[in-house]
Amino acid sequence: MKTLPFPELKADRSQRRFDIRALIAAREGERYSLNAKHLNEMMVRVFQTIGRGVGQYLYDRHGARYLDLLSGWGVFGIGRNHPLLRETLNGVLAADLPNLAQMDASLLAGLLAERLLGFTHWLDKVFFANSGTEAVEAAVKFARRATGRPEIVYCSDAFHGLTYGALSMNGDAVFKEGFEPLAPGFTEIPFNDPAALERALAAGRAAAFIVEPIQGKGVNMPDESYLADAARLCRKYGALFIADEIQTGMGRTGRFLAVEHGDVEPDMVLLSKALSGGHAPVGAVLTRKHIFDKVFDRMDRAVVHGSTFARNDLAMAAGLATLEVMESERLIANAARTGARLLKSFEAMAQRYQLVKAVRGRGLMIGVEFGNPQSLKLKAAWSLVEAVNAGLFCQLITIPLFKEHNILVQVAGHANHTIKLLPALVIDESDCGWIERAFDAVIADSHRVPGAVWSLGRTLADHALKARASK
């Protein structure tokens, strides 16, 4: 008899009862072996310790608490497993709603659209999708349809997703390698360069310019006037201005949208990640009515663009609950306050430690960049590690932060020298103290040559060289 994949369930289908809690309890010990066998084995090798998550914290099987400064790449803005979100999702499942009745109008989608548009005074319509990259793809289609133009202008070092349209305007070659040919009709320009943008728009072929208000890969900050200049140039040359707020939006920078810091009003705003509190895939395009009406301009074009699960009740309810938590717990103000404290602390570290080259960010999106030091001992150690693998030095910071201080953080991009902090917006003053003490201790250790940090560097360099030689 063939072995059932779920042995705790009876073979007799007439008596079979599915219990998700029993299933999780029975097979929890197989978490990593199942992922290694059937999913991404490399990711399993990276991290095999976390058992549960609550708020801004992760806990291992022994109950040790970790401060998560990744928050699922910014997904858990309100923290993990918020009780209101859980209660809301359970309520939706218990309500027997006519979910995805595609020839009907979703009440929850209408309510979420109303709430989102309430955070802007210039946008009128919302298109829901399943993810950030789907929102990007929709925005590209909307821009081309609304303007009748073929080109999309994007920036170097940009990250807008990994489906083919989004990948075609990815500013990092490592994501594109091996997937060519990419889609035509995309023009790359330098970030934070209004003159380059004007040259790209002046030909009159650009449907839109898409930009992250703060670039996620590196936490690259624009000049104060850049976004306003970009909006002005787009108006001048008849192109649409698209703000990709998938990572910067939903309060991350201390305002609901990062463009609010410059009083900029894009033609489209893209949201995802934190929108559902991390429990349901969701994305959204907030747009002006005239753009929306160009796409859906006749009855027979009502379904010219869509996505099967885009307005599903769980995602819409999760979005409503997330916005309620953000407002009731004043998380946007908390992001502004705690972010300002952390930035000030890191800037002080930059004054004390020569390996800290720069500190950038806004709210709770912070980048700490490391660079070649001045002292001869440190310079020699830095050069040895970096010669093996560009960006390897940052692992000498992230690994001790995790192993010795229970802080989970990562580098901001491939071959990048910036460590990015993207914590949940619920962190408090004690968490800030934890972060400051841990970073200060690890960075101080990295200035001692020889020392434990540089011993780790030699070990990582040896592993990298052996891996390279075995290819």
Protein backbone atom coordinates (compact mmCIF):
# COMPACT_ATOMS: atom_id res chain seq x y z
CA MET A 1 0.00 0.00 0.00
CA LYS A 2 1.33 3.43 -0.92
CA THR A 3 2.42 5.53 2.06
CA LEU A 4 0.26 8.59 2.62
CA PRO A 5 2.08 11.95 2.68
CA PHE A 6 0.19 12.81 5.88
CA PRO A 7 0.40 9.63 8.04
CA GLU A 8 -1.55 11.20 10.90
CA LEU A 9 -4.63 11.25 8.64
CA LYS A 10 -6.60 8.04 8.21
CA ALA A 11 -6.50 6.22 4.88
CA ASP A 12 -10.25 5.75 4.91
CA ARG A 13 -11.46 8.94 3.23
CA SER A 14 -14.90 8.62 4.80
CA GLN A 15 -13.28 9.06 8.24
CA ARG A 16 -10.55 11.43 7.20
CA ARG A 17 -10.48 14.78 9.03
CA PHE A 18 -7.95 17.51 8.27
CA ASP A 19 -6.56 19.28 11.35
CA ILE A 20 -3.91 21.88 10.51
CA ARG A 21 -2.76 22.21 14.13
CA ALA A 22 -2.28 18.47 14.45
CA LEU A 23 -0.46 18.39 11.13
CA ILE A 24 1.95 21.16 12.20
CA ALA A 25 2.60 19.52 15.57
CA ALA A 26 3.18 16.10 14.05
CA ARG A 27 5.62 17.22 11.38
CA GLU A 28 7.34 20.27 12.85
CA GLY A 29 10.56 18.24 13.12
CA GLU A 30 10.60 17.89 9.32
CA ARG A 31 10.48 21.64 8.62
CA TYR A 32 14.01 21.88 7.22
CA SER A 33 14.24 18.46 5.59
CA LEU A 34 11.02 19.11 3.64
CA ASN A 35 12.25 22.50 2.46
CA ALA A 36 15.66 21.13 1.53
CA LYS A 37 14.12 18.26 -0.43
CA HIS A 38 11.25 20.01 -2.18
CA LEU A 39 12.01 23.77 -2.12
CA ASN A 40 15.16 25.93 -1.85
CA GLU A 41 17.95 23.95 -0.16
CA MET A 42 20.30 26.95 -0.12
CA MET A 43 17.90 28.99 2.01
CA VAL A 44 17.60 26.11 4.47
CA ARG A 45 21.37 26.15 4.93
CA VAL A 46 21.31 29.86 5.70
CA PHE A 47 18.97 29.75 8.67
CA GLN A 48 17.77 26.81 10.78
CA THR A 49 16.95 28.16 14.20
CA ILE A 50 13.73 30.19 14.35
CA GLY A 51 10.62 28.59 15.83
CA ARG A 52 8.05 31.40 16.18
CA GLY A 53 7.57 35.13 15.74
CA VAL A 54 5.65 37.74 17.74
CA GLY A 55 5.73 41.45 16.96
CA GLN A 56 9.28 42.58 16.24
CA TYR A 57 10.80 39.44 17.78
CA LEU A 58 11.69 35.94 16.66
CA TYR A 59 12.22 33.05 19.08
CA ASP A 60 14.26 29.88 18.68
CA ARG A 61 13.30 26.46 20.03
CA HIS A 62 15.02 27.20 23.32
CA GLY A 63 13.03 30.39 23.85
CA ALA A 64 15.89 32.78 23.09
CA ARG A 65 14.62 36.09 21.70
CA TYR A 66 15.98 37.73 18.53
CA LEU A 67 15.31 41.24 17.25
CA ASP A 68 14.36 41.01 13.59
CA LEU A 69 15.65 44.00 11.61
CA LEU A 70 14.61 42.44 8.27
CA SER A 71 10.88 42.05 9.02
CA GLY A 72 10.45 39.74 6.04
CA TRP A 73 12.03 42.35 3.69
CA GLY A 74 9.66 44.94 5.14
CA VAL A 75 6.49 42.86 5.03
CA PHE A 76 5.80 42.84 8.79
CA GLY A 77 5.33 46.55 9.31
CA ILE A 78 2.92 45.97 12.21
CA GLY A 79 4.98 43.06 13.51
CA ARG A 80 4.36 39.34 13.19
CA ASN A 81 1.08 37.75 14.18
CA HIS A 82 -0.70 40.84 15.43
CA PRO A 83 -3.82 39.70 17.37
CA LEU A 84 -6.17 42.07 15.52
CA LEU A 85 -4.96 40.76 12.18
CA ARG A 86 -5.42 37.17 13.28
CA GLU A 87 -8.88 37.93 14.64
CA THR A 88 -9.82 39.67 11.38
CA LEU A 89 -8.70 36.78 9.19
CA ASN A 90 -10.52 34.26 11.38
CA GLY A 91 -13.62 36.44 11.14
CA VAL A 92 -13.48 36.46 7.34
CA LEU A 93 -13.17 32.67 7.23
CA ALA A 94 -16.11 32.30 9.62
CA ALA A 95 -18.36 34.70 7.68
CA ASP A 96 -18.92 32.47 4.62
CA LEU A 97 -18.43 35.44 2.31
CA PRO A 98 -18.91 34.92 -1.45
CA ASN A 99 -15.18 35.33 -2.02
CA LEU A 100 -13.99 35.93 -5.60
CA ALA A 101 -17.45 36.02 -7.08
CA GLN A 102 -15.88 37.47 -10.20
CA MET A 103 -19.09 38.81 -11.68
CA ASP A 104 -19.81 40.77 -8.50
CA ALA A 105 -18.28 43.73 -6.64
CA SER A 106 -16.26 43.01 -3.51
CA LEU A 107 -17.30 45.05 -0.47
CA LEU A 108 -13.95 44.55 1.25
CA ALA A 109 -12.04 45.67 -1.87
CA GLY A 110 -14.15 48.80 -2.03
CA LEU A 111 -13.55 49.55 1.64
CA LEU A 112 -9.79 49.02 1.38
CA ALA A 113 -9.58 51.20 -1.74
CA GLU A 114 -11.50 53.94 0.09
CA ARG A 115 -9.11 53.77 3.08
CA LEU A 116 -5.98 53.82 0.91
CA LEU A 117 -7.15 56.76 -1.19
CA GLY A 118 -7.93 58.59 2.02
CA PHE A 119 -4.18 58.90 2.58
CA THR A 120 -3.88 60.94 -0.63
CA HIS A 121 -5.93 63.83 -1.96
CA TRP A 122 -4.93 63.60 -5.61
CA LEU A 123 -5.45 59.92 -6.54
CA ASP A 124 -8.86 58.50 -7.38
CA LYS A 125 -8.72 54.81 -8.29
CA VAL A 126 -7.11 51.58 -7.04
CA PHE A 127 -6.16 48.45 -8.92
CA PHE A 128 -5.39 45.46 -6.67
CA ALA A 129 -2.82 42.81 -7.51
CA ASN A 130 -1.16 39.88 -5.73
CA SER A 131 2.31 41.33 -5.14
CA GLY A 132 4.62 44.25 -5.62
CA THR A 133 5.97 42.99 -8.91
CA GLU A 134 2.40 42.53 -10.21
CA ALA A 135 1.66 46.14 -9.24
CA VAL A 136 4.73 47.21 -11.20
CA GLU A 137 3.66 45.21 -14.25
CA ALA A 138 0.18 46.76 -14.07
CA ALA A 139 1.64 50.27 -13.82
CA VAL A 140 3.73 49.70 -16.96
CA LYS A 141 0.66 48.57 -18.90
CA PHE A 142 -1.44 51.44 -17.57
CA ALA A 143 1.23 54.00 -18.50
CA ARG A 144 1.61 52.72 -22.05
CA ARG A 145 -2.14 52.53 -22.59
CA ALA A 146 -2.81 55.99 -21.10
CA THR A 147 -0.08 57.79 -23.07
CA GLY A 148 0.21 55.72 -26.23
CA ARG A 149 3.99 55.75 -25.78
CA PRO A 150 6.34 52.74 -25.60
CA GLU A 151 9.25 53.64 -23.30
CA ILE A 152 9.58 53.31 -19.52
CA VAL A 153 12.46 55.17 -17.88
CA TYR A 154 14.01 53.71 -14.71
CA CYS A 155 17.11 54.24 -12.56
CA SER A 156 20.42 52.47 -12.05
CA ASP A 157 20.44 50.37 -8.86
CA ALA A 158 16.64 50.17 -8.95
CA PHE A 159 14.70 47.13 -7.80
CA HIS A 160 11.09 46.82 -8.96
CA GLY A 161 10.60 43.04 -8.91
CA LEU A 162 11.69 39.91 -10.76
CA THR A 163 8.96 39.07 -13.29
CA TYR A 164 10.05 39.85 -16.85
CA GLY A 165 8.74 43.39 -17.18
CA ALA A 166 9.99 44.35 -13.73
CA LEU A 167 13.26 42.49 -14.30
CA SER A 168 13.79 44.48 -17.49
CA MET A 169 14.04 47.63 -15.38
CA ASN A 170 16.19 46.14 -12.65
CA GLY A 171 19.29 48.22 -12.05
CA ASP A 172 21.43 45.31 -10.81
CA ALA A 173 22.92 43.06 -13.49
CA VAL A 174 23.19 40.08 -11.12
CA PHE A 175 19.41 39.59 -11.26
CA LYS A 176 19.35 39.74 -15.07
CA GLU A 177 22.23 37.39 -15.81
CA GLY A 178 21.08 34.20 -17.49
CA PHE A 179 17.54 35.41 -18.15
CA GLU A 180 18.12 37.36 -21.35
CA PRO A 181 16.68 38.46 -23.68
CA LEU A 182 14.75 40.90 -21.55
CA ALA A 183 11.72 42.90 -22.61
CA PRO A 184 12.29 45.89 -24.91
CA GLY A 185 11.14 49.44 -24.22
CA PHE A 186 13.05 50.21 -21.00
CA THR A 187 15.65 52.97 -20.66
CA GLU A 188 18.09 53.17 -17.73
CA ILE A 189 19.37 56.47 -16.35
CA PRO A 190 21.43 57.34 -13.25
CA PHE A 191 19.52 57.81 -10.01
CA ASN A 192 19.33 61.31 -8.58
CA ASP A 193 20.26 62.98 -11.90
CA PRO A 194 17.55 65.38 -13.19
CA ALA A 195 19.60 66.27 -16.27
CA ALA A 196 19.76 62.60 -17.32
CA LEU A 197 16.03 62.27 -16.76
CA GLU A 198 15.33 65.30 -18.92
CA ARG A 199 17.44 63.88 -21.75
CA ALA A 200 15.53 60.59 -21.55
CA LEU A 201 12.14 62.33 -21.57
CA ALA A 202 12.88 64.99 -24.19
CA ALA A 203 12.51 62.60 -27.14
CA GLY A 204 8.80 62.29 -26.34
CA ARG A 205 8.74 58.48 -26.35
CA ALA A 206 8.56 57.92 -22.60
CA ALA A 207 5.24 56.76 -21.20
CA ALA A 208 6.48 57.02 -17.63
CA PHE A 209 9.35 57.44 -15.23
CA ILE A 210 9.33 54.93 -12.35
CA VAL A 211 11.42 55.49 -9.24
CA GLU A 212 11.76 54.38 -5.64
CA PRO A 213 11.70 57.47 -3.40
CA ILE A 214 14.54 55.80 -1.48
CA GLN A 215 16.28 52.98 -3.31
CA GLY A 216 16.03 49.73 -1.39
CA LYS A 217 19.26 48.23 -2.73
CA GLY A 218 21.69 50.38 -0.79
CA VAL A 219 19.24 52.77 0.91
CA ASN A 220 20.24 55.40 -1.63
CA MET A 221 18.76 58.79 -0.77
CA PRO A 222 17.83 61.38 -3.41
CA ASP A 223 18.65 65.05 -3.11
CA GLU A 224 15.88 67.03 -1.41
CA SER A 225 14.60 68.45 -4.71
CA TYR A 226 15.05 65.37 -6.91
CA LEU A 227 11.53 63.90 -6.72
CA ALA A 228 9.93 67.31 -7.22
CA ASP A 229 12.21 67.94 -10.19
CA ALA A 230 11.28 64.53 -11.61
CA ALA A 231 7.56 65.26 -11.27
CA ARG A 232 8.02 68.64 -12.97
CA LEU A 233 9.97 67.11 -15.87
CA CYS A 234 7.38 64.38 -16.35
CA ARG A 235 4.65 67.01 -16.62
CA LYS A 236 6.77 69.06 -19.03
CA TYR A 237 7.30 66.17 -21.44
CA GLY A 238 3.95 64.40 -21.06
CA ALA A 239 5.22 61.33 -19.20
CA LEU A 240 3.59 59.82 -16.11
CA PHE A 241 5.41 59.81 -12.79
CA ILE A 242 5.25 56.46 -10.95
CA ALA A 243 6.41 56.22 -7.32
CA ASP A 244 7.33 52.66 -6.36
CA GLU A 245 6.51 52.81 -2.64
CA ILE A 246 6.41 49.04 -2.24
CA GLN A 247 9.13 49.20 0.40
CA THR A 248 9.06 52.86 1.42
CA GLY A 249 5.29 53.19 1.77
CA MET A 250 2.90 52.20 4.58
CA GLY A 251 4.63 54.44 7.14
CA ARG A 252 8.14 53.07 6.74
CA THR A 253 9.81 56.49 6.48
CA GLY A 254 7.75 58.30 9.11
CA ARG A 255 5.05 59.38 6.65
CA PHE A 256 2.43 57.16 5.03
CA LEU A 257 4.22 57.68 1.70
CA ALA A 258 7.86 58.65 1.32
CA VAL A 259 6.95 61.17 -1.41
CA GLU A 260 5.14 63.20 1.24
CA HIS A 261 8.50 64.37 2.57
CA GLY A 262 8.92 66.36 -0.65
CA ASP A 263 5.25 67.30 -1.20
CA VAL A 264 5.24 65.35 -4.48
CA GLU A 265 2.06 64.03 -6.12
CA PRO A 266 2.86 61.10 -8.44
CA ASP A 267 0.42 59.93 -11.10
CA MET A 268 0.65 56.40 -9.72
CA VAL A 269 1.74 55.05 -6.35
CA LEU A 270 2.57 51.36 -5.94
CA LEU A 271 2.08 49.57 -2.62
CA SER A 272 2.58 46.02 -1.39
CA LYS A 273 4.76 44.32 1.27
CA ALA A 274 3.41 45.71 4.58
CA LEU A 275 -0.09 46.30 3.17
CA SER A 276 -1.51 42.99 4.42
CA GLY A 277 0.54 42.66 7.58
CA GLY A 278 2.40 39.75 6.02
CA HIS A 279 -0.45 37.25 6.02
CA ALA A 280 -1.83 37.44 2.48
CA PRO A 281 -0.18 38.32 -0.85
CA VAL A 282 -1.37 41.74 -2.00
CA GLY A 283 -0.33 44.69 -4.12
CA ALA A 284 -2.04 47.91 -5.14
CA VAL A 285 -1.75 50.59 -7.81
CA LEU A 286 -3.19 53.93 -6.70
CA THR A 287 -3.73 56.08 -9.77
CA ARG A 288 -5.43 59.10 -11.24
CA LYS A 289 -8.86 58.54 -12.75
CA HIS A 290 -7.93 59.63 -16.27
CA ILE A 291 -5.26 56.90 -16.40
CA PHE A 292 -7.62 54.25 -15.09
CA ASP A 293 -10.34 55.30 -17.51
CA LYS A 294 -7.96 54.98 -20.47
CA VAL A 295 -7.34 51.33 -19.58
CA PHE A 296 -10.91 50.32 -18.72
CA ASP A 297 -12.64 52.56 -21.24
CA ARG A 298 -15.43 50.30 -22.52
CA MET A 299 -17.64 47.50 -21.24
CA ASP A 300 -15.83 44.98 -23.42
CA ARG A 301 -12.51 46.08 -21.90
CA ALA A 302 -13.62 45.73 -18.27
CA VAL A 303 -11.37 42.68 -17.87
CA VAL A 304 -8.53 43.79 -20.15
CA HIS A 305 -6.18 43.58 -17.16
CA GLY A 306 -6.71 41.67 -13.94
CA SER A 307 -5.55 38.86 -11.68
CA THR A 308 -7.58 35.93 -10.39
CA PHE A 309 -6.82 36.37 -6.69
CA ALA A 310 -6.24 40.12 -6.68
CA ARG A 311 -9.27 41.18 -4.63
CA ASN A 312 -9.60 38.09 -2.45
CA ASP A 313 -11.34 38.66 0.87
CA LEU A 314 -8.43 37.59 3.06
CA ALA A 315 -6.04 40.08 1.47
CA MET A 316 -8.56 42.91 1.53
CA ALA A 317 -9.52 42.27 5.16
CA ALA A 318 -5.85 41.99 6.12
CA GLY A 319 -5.22 45.35 4.49
CA LEU A 320 -8.05 46.97 6.42
CA ALA A 321 -6.83 45.48 9.71
CA THR A 322 -3.25 46.58 9.00
CA LEU A 323 -4.32 50.18 8.41
CA GLU A 324 -6.40 50.09 11.59
CA VAL A 325 -3.40 48.90 13.62
CA MET A 326 -1.14 51.52 12.07
CA GLU A 327 -3.56 54.31 12.94
CA SER A 328 -4.70 53.13 16.38
CA GLU A 329 -1.16 52.38 17.56
CA ARG A 330 0.33 55.49 15.90
CA LEU A 331 2.99 53.42 14.17
CA ILE A 332 3.88 56.06 11.58
CA ALA A 333 4.76 58.51 14.34
CA ASN A 334 6.68 55.74 16.11
CA ALA A 335 8.68 55.06 12.95
CA ALA A 336 9.59 58.73 12.71
CA ARG A 337 10.59 58.95 16.37
CA THR A 338 12.58 55.72 16.73
CA GLY A 339 14.12 56.17 13.29
CA ALA A 340 15.40 59.62 14.22
CA ARG A 341 16.99 58.21 17.38
CA LEU A 342 18.71 55.38 15.53
CA LEU A 343 19.99 57.64 12.76
CA LYS A 344 21.48 59.99 15.34
CA SER A 345 23.19 57.06 17.11
CA PHE A 346 24.63 55.65 13.89
CA GLU A 347 25.85 59.07 12.82
CA ALA A 348 27.70 59.30 16.14
CA MET A 349 29.28 55.89 15.43
CA ALA A 350 30.40 57.19 12.04
CA GLN A 351 32.32 59.90 13.88
CA ARG A 352 33.98 57.37 16.20
CA TYR A 353 34.75 54.51 13.82
CA GLN A 354 36.72 54.89 10.59
CA LEU A 355 35.19 51.77 9.02
CA VAL A 356 31.75 53.43 9.05
CA LYS A 357 31.74 55.45 5.84
CA ALA A 358 28.19 56.85 5.78
CA VAL A 359 24.78 56.61 7.40
CA ARG A 360 21.62 57.12 5.33
CA GLY A 361 17.91 56.75 5.73
CA ARG A 362 14.60 58.11 6.85
CA GLY A 363 12.29 56.74 9.52
CA LEU A 364 12.86 53.01 9.94
CA MET A 365 14.62 52.51 6.62
CA ILE A 366 18.30 52.93 7.54
CA GLY A 367 21.55 52.06 5.79
CA VAL A 368 24.95 51.89 7.49
CA GLU A 369 27.70 51.89 4.86
CA PHE A 370 31.18 50.58 5.55
CA GLY A 371 34.29 51.55 3.60
CA ASN A 372 38.05 51.33 3.28
CA PRO A 373 39.63 52.70 6.49
CA GLN A 374 42.64 54.98 6.93
CA SER A 375 44.89 53.06 9.32
CA LEU A 376 47.40 50.73 7.66
CA LYS A 377 46.46 47.66 9.74
CA LEU A 378 42.76 48.03 9.06
CA LYS A 379 43.36 48.87 5.41
CA ALA A 380 45.39 45.67 4.92
CA ALA A 381 42.74 43.53 6.63
CA TRP A 382 39.93 45.19 4.64
CA SER A 383 41.76 44.68 1.34
CA LEU A 384 42.40 41.00 2.09
CA VAL A 385 38.72 40.26 2.70
CA GLU A 386 37.35 42.45 -0.08
CA ALA A 387 39.79 41.05 -2.65
CA VAL A 388 38.16 37.64 -2.19
CA ASN A 389 34.59 38.84 -2.50
CA ALA A 390 33.27 42.39 -2.85
CA GLY A 391 30.98 43.14 0.06
CA LEU A 392 32.30 40.28 2.21
CA PHE A 393 33.30 42.66 5.00
CA CYS A 394 29.65 43.30 5.89
CA GLN A 395 29.28 39.65 6.84
CA LEU A 396 31.89 40.29 9.53
CA ILE A 397 29.31 42.62 11.06
CA THR A 398 26.07 40.71 10.41
CA ILE A 399 27.31 37.33 11.67
CA PRO A 400 28.47 38.54 15.13
CA LEU A 401 25.30 40.64 15.42
CA PHE A 402 23.31 37.44 15.05
CA LYS A 403 25.50 35.00 16.98
CA GLU A 404 26.52 37.25 19.87
CA HIS A 405 23.72 39.84 20.10
CA ASN A 406 20.62 38.02 18.73
CA ILE A 407 20.01 40.62 16.03
CA LEU A 408 18.98 39.56 12.53
CA VAL A 409 20.08 41.95 9.80
CA GLN A 410 21.44 41.70 6.26
CA VAL A 411 23.40 43.47 3.56
CA ALA A 412 21.41 45.86 1.37
CA GLY A 413 22.30 44.20 -1.93
CA HIS A 414 24.69 42.07 -3.94
CA ALA A 415 28.37 43.11 -3.55
CA ASN A 416 27.13 45.95 -1.38
CA HIS A 417 28.88 47.56 1.58
CA THR A 418 25.69 48.81 3.24
CA ILE A 419 23.84 46.99 6.01
CA LYS A 420 20.14 47.81 5.91
CA LEU A 421 17.80 48.07 8.88
CA LEU A 422 14.15 47.49 8.05
CA PRO A 423 12.52 46.64 11.39
CA ALA A 424 8.84 46.42 12.21
CA LEU A 425 7.33 49.82 12.93
CA VAL A 426 6.41 48.61 16.45
CA ILE A 427 9.96 48.69 17.86
CA ASP A 428 10.31 50.64 21.09
CA GLU A 429 12.99 52.55 22.99
CA SER A 430 14.39 49.40 24.60
CA ASP A 431 14.80 47.85 21.14
CA CYS A 432 16.66 50.97 20.01
CA GLY A 433 19.03 50.58 22.95
CA TRP A 434 19.55 46.92 22.05
CA ILE A 435 20.40 47.87 18.45
CA GLU A 436 22.75 50.67 19.47
CA ARG A 437 24.70 48.59 22.00
CA ALA A 438 25.02 45.62 19.65
CA PHE A 439 26.20 47.61 16.63
CA ASP A 440 28.60 49.65 18.75
CA ALA A 441 30.16 46.50 20.23
CA VAL A 442 30.55 44.67 16.90
CA ILE A 443 31.88 47.71 15.05
CA ALA A 444 34.35 48.36 17.88
CA ASP A 445 35.54 44.74 17.62
CA SER A 446 36.04 45.16 13.88
CA HIS A 447 38.63 47.88 14.60
CA ARG A 448 40.85 45.46 16.55
CA VAL A 449 43.46 43.80 14.33
CA PRO A 450 44.16 41.00 14.95
CA GLY A 451 40.86 40.06 16.54
CA ALA A 452 37.89 37.72 16.46
CA VAL A 453 36.14 39.63 13.67
CA TRP A 454 39.12 39.39 11.35
CA SER A 455 39.65 35.74 12.25
CA LEU A 456 36.11 35.20 11.02
CA GLY A 457 37.06 37.19 7.92
CA ARG A 458 39.93 34.82 7.15
CA THR A 459 37.61 31.84 7.60
CA LEU A 460 34.97 33.30 5.24
CA ALA A 461 37.66 34.23 2.71
CA ASP A 462 39.08 30.68 2.77
CA HIS A 463 35.61 29.21 2.22
CA ALA A 464 34.98 31.60 -0.68
CA LEU A 465 38.29 30.73 -2.33
CA LYS A 466 37.69 26.99 -1.97
CA ALA A 467 34.19 27.33 -3.40
CA ARG A 468 35.57 29.31 -6.34
CA ALA A 469 38.32 26.74 -6.98
CA SER A 470 35.82 23.85 -6.98
CA LYS A 471 33.76 25.35 -9.82
